[in-house]
Amino acid sequence: MVRAERNGRLFDAFKEKSVVAVGWPAVGDLSAAKTRKAIADALARVYPGAKAQSQAMAAGQLHRFVNELSPGDAVVTYDPSRRVYLVGEISGPYQYDPAVDPEDPHVRTVNWQGEVARDLLSADCRNSLGSISTLFRLSAEVMGELTAALSGIATPQQARSIPEEAAEEDPFESMAAQAHEVIKDRVSGLTWEQMQDLVAGVLRSLGYKTRVSAAGADRGKDIEASPDGFGFEAPRIIVEVKHRPNTSMSAPEIRSFLAGRHPDDKGLYVSTGGFTREARYEAERARIPTALMDLDELVTVLLDQYDKLDIETRQLVPLKRIFIPA
């Protein structure tokens, strides 16, 4: 697994440029660093104030990326907004190439084979893929399940294998990241009507009153939110909810949503399948302020507002708060 940066920032770049890449740009080209110690020494020179545990973890991940990966090795990366894993094979040697992304200049070329929706994997497999490490080794069982899903074979393995890098992670950050993904799984499993009610409940927790469209033709809107509940008092927020976990919304859907809006409206488009790059461009240049919210962003707001949600909304996604010594 090679993470595409926080929130999958580089997922599209990885896919389009047929690469994976990792950060720590200040160390420069590591082509001549053939041992973990050599890489650790390079890190110590350019990041002198970093904690020893962080330095050790970074050295291990860079050493694996630079010196241990080989052409033919399986590689996976993840898009948290669309909840899909991109599966392929390493196709070339280590390169130092800031042109891919200045913050992630350590690069390997990849032959991508296809995507696997997270929903197709067993719970144990999804948990094993939840490590927050930039790079970690997948077990044979997990890789076998990903390969089977890529081939359209539903043969989930129920054998969780903890990545060896997990011992080096911040345990609290790791638990929070895994919990976030599991909550996304739960939210993704809601029906369309429940998803609509969840979004309306989150808006109410933010101080708005909501009107939810009846089932059937929604004439381009599912929820209307405003301070007075009638849309007379600004802002009037028009919300479209698309609950298609494996389908990204594209620019035409955004244009259609915007076509019927009034000049003083605000738009919110929620898509559990995420958005294409063109859709985001369309929202940015829209004539009215328009926000796009994917599943990852929806769950983040849900957690931030959970204590303020009404009982009906909490029942859609029941959660327990856990306290851990810091």
Protein backbone atom coordinates (compact mmCIF):
# COMPACT_ATOMS: atom_id res chain seq x y z
CA MET A 1 0.00 0.00 0.00
CA VAL A 2 1.28 3.44 -0.96
CA ARG A 3 -0.97 6.20 0.35
CA ALA A 4 -1.86 8.96 -2.11
CA GLU A 5 -1.19 11.63 0.54
CA ARG A 6 -3.72 12.89 3.09
CA ASN A 7 -7.33 12.61 1.88
CA GLY A 8 -6.10 10.93 -1.31
CA ARG A 9 -4.81 14.24 -2.68
CA LEU A 10 -2.58 12.53 -5.26
CA PHE A 11 -4.89 9.67 -6.23
CA ASP A 12 -5.78 11.17 -9.61
CA ALA A 13 -2.14 12.03 -10.29
CA PHE A 14 -1.05 8.48 -9.41
CA LYS A 15 -3.67 7.07 -11.77
CA GLU A 16 -3.14 9.46 -14.66
CA LYS A 17 0.68 9.44 -14.54
CA SER A 18 0.96 5.69 -13.78
CA VAL A 19 3.06 6.21 -10.67
CA VAL A 20 3.16 6.01 -6.91
CA ALA A 21 5.17 8.52 -4.91
CA VAL A 22 6.12 9.37 -1.33
CA GLY A 23 7.22 12.54 0.42
CA TRP A 24 10.16 13.77 2.53
CA PRO A 25 11.35 16.03 -0.32
CA ALA A 26 14.17 17.70 1.62
CA VAL A 27 16.31 14.55 1.58
CA GLY A 28 16.75 14.85 -2.18
CA ASP A 29 17.67 12.04 -4.55
CA LEU A 30 18.22 8.74 -2.67
CA SER A 31 19.52 6.70 -5.59
CA ALA A 32 22.89 6.30 -3.86
CA ALA A 33 21.41 5.48 -0.42
CA LYS A 34 21.45 1.69 -0.44
CA THR A 35 20.85 1.02 3.26
CA ARG A 36 18.30 2.05 5.86
CA LYS A 37 21.07 3.69 7.89
CA ALA A 38 22.13 5.85 4.95
CA ILE A 39 18.55 7.04 4.55
CA ALA A 40 18.19 7.60 8.31
CA ASP A 41 21.36 9.71 8.29
CA ALA A 42 20.02 11.78 5.38
CA LEU A 43 16.75 12.35 7.22
CA ALA A 44 18.57 13.37 10.40
CA ARG A 45 20.53 16.00 8.49
CA VAL A 46 17.50 17.70 6.94
CA TYR A 47 14.90 17.09 9.68
CA PRO A 48 17.03 17.50 12.83
CA GLY A 49 14.11 18.38 15.12
CA ALA A 50 11.94 15.37 14.29
CA LYS A 51 11.12 12.81 16.97
CA ALA A 52 13.21 9.65 16.99
CA GLN A 53 10.15 7.43 16.41
CA SER A 54 9.04 9.50 13.43
CA GLN A 55 12.57 9.45 11.99
CA ALA A 56 12.76 5.67 12.34
CA MET A 57 9.38 5.15 10.69
CA ALA A 58 10.26 7.49 7.83
CA ALA A 59 13.61 5.78 7.29
CA GLY A 60 11.94 2.37 7.17
CA GLN A 61 9.30 3.47 4.68
CA LEU A 62 11.75 5.28 2.42
CA HIS A 63 14.17 2.34 2.49
CA ARG A 64 11.39 -0.01 1.49
CA PHE A 65 10.24 2.30 -1.30
CA VAL A 66 13.73 3.04 -2.65
CA ASN A 67 15.53 -0.26 -2.17
CA GLU A 68 13.12 -3.11 -1.55
CA LEU A 69 10.30 -2.63 -4.05
CA SER A 70 10.92 -4.35 -7.37
CA PRO A 71 9.22 -4.42 -10.77
CA GLY A 72 6.40 -6.95 -10.64
CA ASP A 73 5.52 -6.27 -6.99
CA ALA A 74 1.83 -5.64 -6.40
CA VAL A 75 0.92 -2.11 -5.32
CA VAL A 76 -2.32 -0.55 -4.06
CA THR A 77 -3.43 3.01 -3.34
CA TYR A 78 -6.72 4.41 -1.99
CA ASP A 79 -9.17 7.19 -2.83
CA PRO A 80 -11.10 7.92 0.41
CA SER A 81 -13.61 10.21 -1.31
CA ARG A 82 -14.77 7.49 -3.74
CA ARG A 83 -13.84 4.59 -1.42
CA VAL A 84 -11.99 2.67 -4.12
CA TYR A 85 -8.62 0.90 -4.17
CA LEU A 86 -6.46 1.18 -7.28
CA VAL A 87 -4.50 -2.03 -7.88
CA GLY A 88 -1.45 -2.52 -10.08
CA GLU A 89 2.20 -3.62 -10.36
CA ILE A 90 5.45 -1.74 -9.92
CA SER A 91 6.98 -1.39 -13.40
CA GLY A 92 10.23 0.48 -12.90
CA PRO A 93 13.12 1.42 -10.59
CA TYR A 94 13.22 4.21 -8.04
CA GLN A 95 13.36 7.74 -9.49
CA TYR A 96 13.67 11.18 -7.95
CA ASP A 97 11.19 13.28 -9.94
CA PRO A 98 9.73 16.44 -8.35
CA ALA A 99 7.70 17.01 -11.54
CA VAL A 100 5.16 14.42 -10.39
CA ASP A 101 4.51 16.44 -7.22
CA PRO A 102 7.04 18.69 -5.47
CA GLU A 103 6.03 17.40 -2.04
CA ASP A 104 6.28 13.73 -3.10
CA PRO A 105 9.33 13.49 -5.38
CA HIS A 106 10.31 9.85 -4.69
CA VAL A 107 8.63 7.95 -7.51
CA ARG A 108 8.01 4.47 -8.89
CA THR A 109 6.23 3.84 -12.18
CA VAL A 110 3.21 1.52 -12.09
CA ASN A 111 1.05 -0.49 -14.49
CA TRP A 112 -2.44 0.01 -13.05
CA GLN A 113 -4.85 -2.90 -13.55
CA GLY A 114 -8.12 -1.53 -12.20
CA GLU A 115 -10.15 -0.34 -9.24
CA VAL A 116 -11.86 -2.27 -6.44
CA ALA A 117 -14.73 -0.76 -4.48
CA ARG A 118 -14.21 -0.93 -0.71
CA ASP A 119 -17.74 -2.33 -0.31
CA LEU A 120 -16.71 -5.50 -2.18
CA LEU A 121 -14.16 -6.43 0.50
CA SER A 122 -14.70 -8.28 3.76
CA ALA A 123 -14.66 -6.39 7.05
CA ASP A 124 -11.35 -8.02 8.03
CA CYS A 125 -9.77 -6.98 4.75
CA ARG A 126 -11.02 -3.41 5.11
CA ASN A 127 -9.62 -3.26 8.66
CA SER A 128 -6.25 -4.49 7.46
CA LEU A 129 -6.15 -1.73 4.86
CA GLY A 130 -6.83 0.91 7.50
CA SER A 131 -3.25 1.61 8.57
CA ILE A 132 -2.33 5.29 8.45
CA SER A 133 1.27 4.61 7.36
CA THR A 134 2.38 6.16 4.08
CA LEU A 135 3.63 2.78 2.92
CA PHE A 136 3.11 -0.68 4.38
CA ARG A 137 3.15 -4.32 3.32
CA LEU A 138 -0.14 -6.10 2.63
CA SER A 139 -0.63 -9.72 3.65
CA ALA A 140 -1.06 -12.44 1.04
CA GLU A 141 -4.66 -12.90 2.20
CA VAL A 142 -5.56 -9.25 1.72
CA MET A 143 -3.81 -9.06 -1.64
CA GLY A 144 -5.57 -12.25 -2.71
CA GLU A 145 -8.95 -10.75 -1.85
CA LEU A 146 -8.17 -7.55 -3.75
CA THR A 147 -7.06 -9.57 -6.78
CA ALA A 148 -10.18 -11.71 -6.63
CA ALA A 149 -12.41 -8.65 -6.40
CA LEU A 150 -10.55 -7.10 -9.33
CA SER A 151 -11.39 -10.22 -11.35
CA GLY A 152 -15.03 -10.11 -10.27
CA ILE A 153 -14.73 -13.11 -7.96
CA ALA A 154 -16.51 -12.74 -4.61
CA THR A 155 -14.27 -14.85 -2.35
CA PRO A 156 -13.65 -12.76 0.77
CA GLN A 157 -11.00 -14.02 3.15
CA GLN A 158 -11.70 -13.71 6.88
CA ALA A 159 -8.12 -13.59 8.08
CA ARG A 160 -6.95 -10.23 9.30
CA SER A 161 -3.24 -9.54 9.19
CA ILE A 162 -1.89 -6.48 10.99
CA PRO A 163 0.70 -4.56 8.94
CA GLU A 164 4.16 -4.75 10.48
CA GLU A 165 4.34 -0.94 10.36
CA ALA A 166 1.36 -0.69 12.74
CA ALA A 167 3.69 -1.04 15.71
CA GLU A 168 5.41 2.20 14.65
CA GLU A 169 2.22 4.24 14.26
CA ASP A 170 0.68 6.66 16.73
CA PRO A 171 -1.96 4.30 18.22
CA PHE A 172 -4.53 7.04 18.81
CA GLU A 173 -4.23 8.50 15.33
CA SER A 174 -4.43 4.99 13.88
CA MET A 175 -7.57 4.12 15.87
CA ALA A 176 -9.23 7.39 14.84
CA ALA A 177 -8.41 6.83 11.17
CA GLN A 178 -9.73 3.27 11.20
CA ALA A 179 -12.88 4.32 13.05
CA HIS A 180 -13.45 7.06 10.47
CA GLU A 181 -13.33 4.51 7.63
CA VAL A 182 -15.67 2.10 9.45
CA ILE A 183 -18.16 4.93 10.04
CA LYS A 184 -17.97 5.72 6.33
CA ASP A 185 -18.80 2.06 5.66
CA ARG A 186 -21.86 2.36 7.91
CA VAL A 187 -23.04 5.59 6.29
CA SER A 188 -22.50 4.12 2.83
CA GLY A 189 -24.87 1.30 3.79
CA LEU A 190 -27.81 3.66 4.39
CA THR A 191 -30.70 3.77 1.94
CA TRP A 192 -31.18 6.86 -0.23
CA GLU A 193 -34.04 8.08 1.99
CA GLN A 194 -31.91 7.58 5.12
CA MET A 195 -29.01 9.43 3.51
CA GLN A 196 -31.30 12.34 2.70
CA ASP A 197 -32.53 12.38 6.31
CA LEU A 198 -28.93 12.23 7.58
CA VAL A 199 -27.88 15.26 5.54
CA ALA A 200 -30.99 17.16 6.68
CA GLY A 201 -30.19 16.26 10.30
CA VAL A 202 -26.63 17.55 9.96
CA LEU A 203 -27.95 20.83 8.57
CA ARG A 204 -30.36 21.13 11.51
CA SER A 205 -27.46 20.62 13.91
CA LEU A 206 -25.82 23.65 12.25
CA GLY A 207 -28.82 25.81 13.09
CA TYR A 208 -30.93 25.54 9.95
CA LYS A 209 -34.53 24.41 9.56
CA THR A 210 -35.06 21.93 6.76
CA ARG A 211 -37.72 20.85 4.29
CA VAL A 212 -37.14 17.45 2.69
CA SER A 213 -38.60 16.69 -0.74
CA ALA A 214 -41.10 13.86 -1.03
CA ALA A 215 -40.05 10.70 -2.85
CA GLY A 216 -40.28 10.96 -6.63
CA ALA A 217 -39.26 13.66 -9.07
CA ASP A 218 -37.34 16.18 -6.98
CA ARG A 219 -37.03 18.90 -9.64
CA GLY A 220 -33.34 19.24 -8.89
CA LYS A 221 -33.42 19.47 -5.12
CA ASP A 222 -33.83 17.05 -2.21
CA ILE A 223 -33.53 19.40 0.79
CA GLU A 224 -34.14 23.09 1.33
CA ALA A 225 -32.50 24.64 4.40
CA SER A 226 -32.86 28.15 5.75
CA PRO A 227 -32.97 29.95 9.11
CA ASP A 228 -36.78 30.27 9.03
CA GLY A 229 -37.57 26.95 7.37
CA PHE A 230 -39.53 28.56 4.52
CA GLY A 231 -36.67 29.93 2.44
CA PHE A 232 -37.67 33.56 2.96
CA GLU A 233 -34.77 34.35 5.26
CA ALA A 234 -31.25 34.16 3.81
CA PRO A 235 -29.33 32.06 3.29
CA ARG A 236 -31.52 29.61 1.40
CA ILE A 237 -29.49 26.44 0.80
CA ILE A 238 -30.63 24.05 -1.90
CA VAL A 239 -29.26 20.53 -1.39
CA GLU A 240 -29.00 17.65 -3.86
CA VAL A 241 -28.20 14.21 -2.40
CA LYS A 242 -26.86 11.45 -4.65
CA HIS A 243 -26.27 8.15 -2.88
CA ARG A 244 -24.40 6.10 -5.47
CA PRO A 245 -21.30 4.78 -3.66
CA ASN A 246 -19.49 3.62 -6.81
CA THR A 247 -20.49 6.44 -9.16
CA SER A 248 -18.74 9.81 -9.20
CA MET A 249 -20.81 12.84 -10.15
CA SER A 250 -19.57 14.62 -13.27
CA ALA A 251 -19.82 18.16 -14.63
CA PRO A 252 -23.19 17.65 -16.41
CA GLU A 253 -24.86 16.67 -13.10
CA ILE A 254 -23.51 19.83 -11.45
CA ARG A 255 -24.68 22.00 -14.36
CA SER A 256 -28.14 20.42 -14.18
CA PHE A 257 -28.33 21.09 -10.45
CA LEU A 258 -27.33 24.73 -10.92
CA ALA A 259 -29.67 25.40 -13.82
CA GLY A 260 -32.78 25.98 -11.72
CA ARG A 261 -31.24 27.96 -8.90
CA HIS A 262 -32.17 31.53 -7.99
CA PRO A 263 -29.41 34.20 -7.89
CA ASP A 264 -29.49 34.40 -4.07
CA ASP A 265 -29.49 30.63 -3.49
CA LYS A 266 -26.56 28.68 -2.06
CA GLY A 267 -25.93 25.20 -3.39
CA LEU A 268 -24.80 22.04 -1.60
CA TYR A 269 -24.30 18.87 -3.63
CA VAL A 270 -23.72 15.69 -1.60
CA SER A 271 -22.41 12.62 -3.44
CA THR A 272 -21.34 9.46 -1.63
CA GLY A 273 -19.58 8.37 -4.82
CA GLY A 274 -17.43 11.49 -4.93
CA PHE A 275 -16.91 13.89 -7.81
CA THR A 276 -14.84 14.01 -10.95
CA ARG A 277 -12.24 16.73 -11.30
CA GLU A 278 -14.41 18.39 -13.95
CA ALA A 279 -17.35 18.45 -11.54
CA ARG A 280 -15.25 20.30 -8.97
CA TYR A 281 -14.16 22.83 -11.61
CA GLU A 282 -17.81 23.33 -12.54
CA ALA A 283 -18.74 24.07 -8.91
CA GLU A 284 -15.83 26.48 -8.50
CA ARG A 285 -16.95 28.64 -11.42
CA ALA A 286 -20.69 28.40 -10.68
CA ARG A 287 -22.71 31.62 -10.70
CA ILE A 288 -23.90 30.94 -7.14
CA PRO A 289 -21.78 29.72 -4.19
CA THR A 290 -21.78 25.93 -4.46
CA ALA A 291 -20.16 23.41 -2.12
CA LEU A 292 -19.49 19.80 -3.01
CA MET A 293 -19.46 17.23 -0.20
CA ASP A 294 -18.26 13.66 -0.68
CA LEU A 295 -18.68 10.82 1.81
CA ASP A 296 -15.42 11.54 3.60
CA GLU A 297 -16.39 15.19 4.13
CA LEU A 298 -19.93 14.26 5.18
CA VAL A 299 -18.63 11.91 7.88
CA THR A 300 -16.17 14.54 9.10
CA VAL A 301 -19.02 17.04 9.57
CA LEU A 302 -21.21 14.31 11.09
CA LEU A 303 -18.57 13.58 13.75
CA ASP A 304 -17.97 17.28 14.44
CA GLN A 305 -21.70 17.84 14.98
CA TYR A 306 -22.66 14.50 16.52
CA ASP A 307 -23.39 15.88 19.99
CA LYS A 308 -25.77 18.44 18.46
CA LEU A 309 -27.74 15.97 16.30
CA ASP A 310 -31.35 15.20 17.18
CA ILE A 311 -32.25 11.68 18.30
CA GLU A 312 -33.76 10.69 14.94
CA THR A 313 -30.55 11.55 13.11
CA ARG A 314 -28.33 9.79 15.65
CA GLN A 315 -30.38 6.63 15.24
CA LEU A 316 -29.36 6.51 11.58
CA VAL A 317 -25.68 6.17 12.58
CA PRO A 318 -25.44 5.14 16.26
CA LEU A 319 -22.00 5.93 17.69
CA LYS A 320 -20.35 5.66 21.10
CA ARG A 321 -17.77 8.09 22.40
CA ILE A 322 -14.63 6.44 23.82
CA PHE A 323 -12.16 8.14 26.15
CA ILE A 324 -8.51 7.07 26.03
CA PRO A 325 -5.65 8.38 28.21
CA ALA A 326 -3.62 10.88 26.22
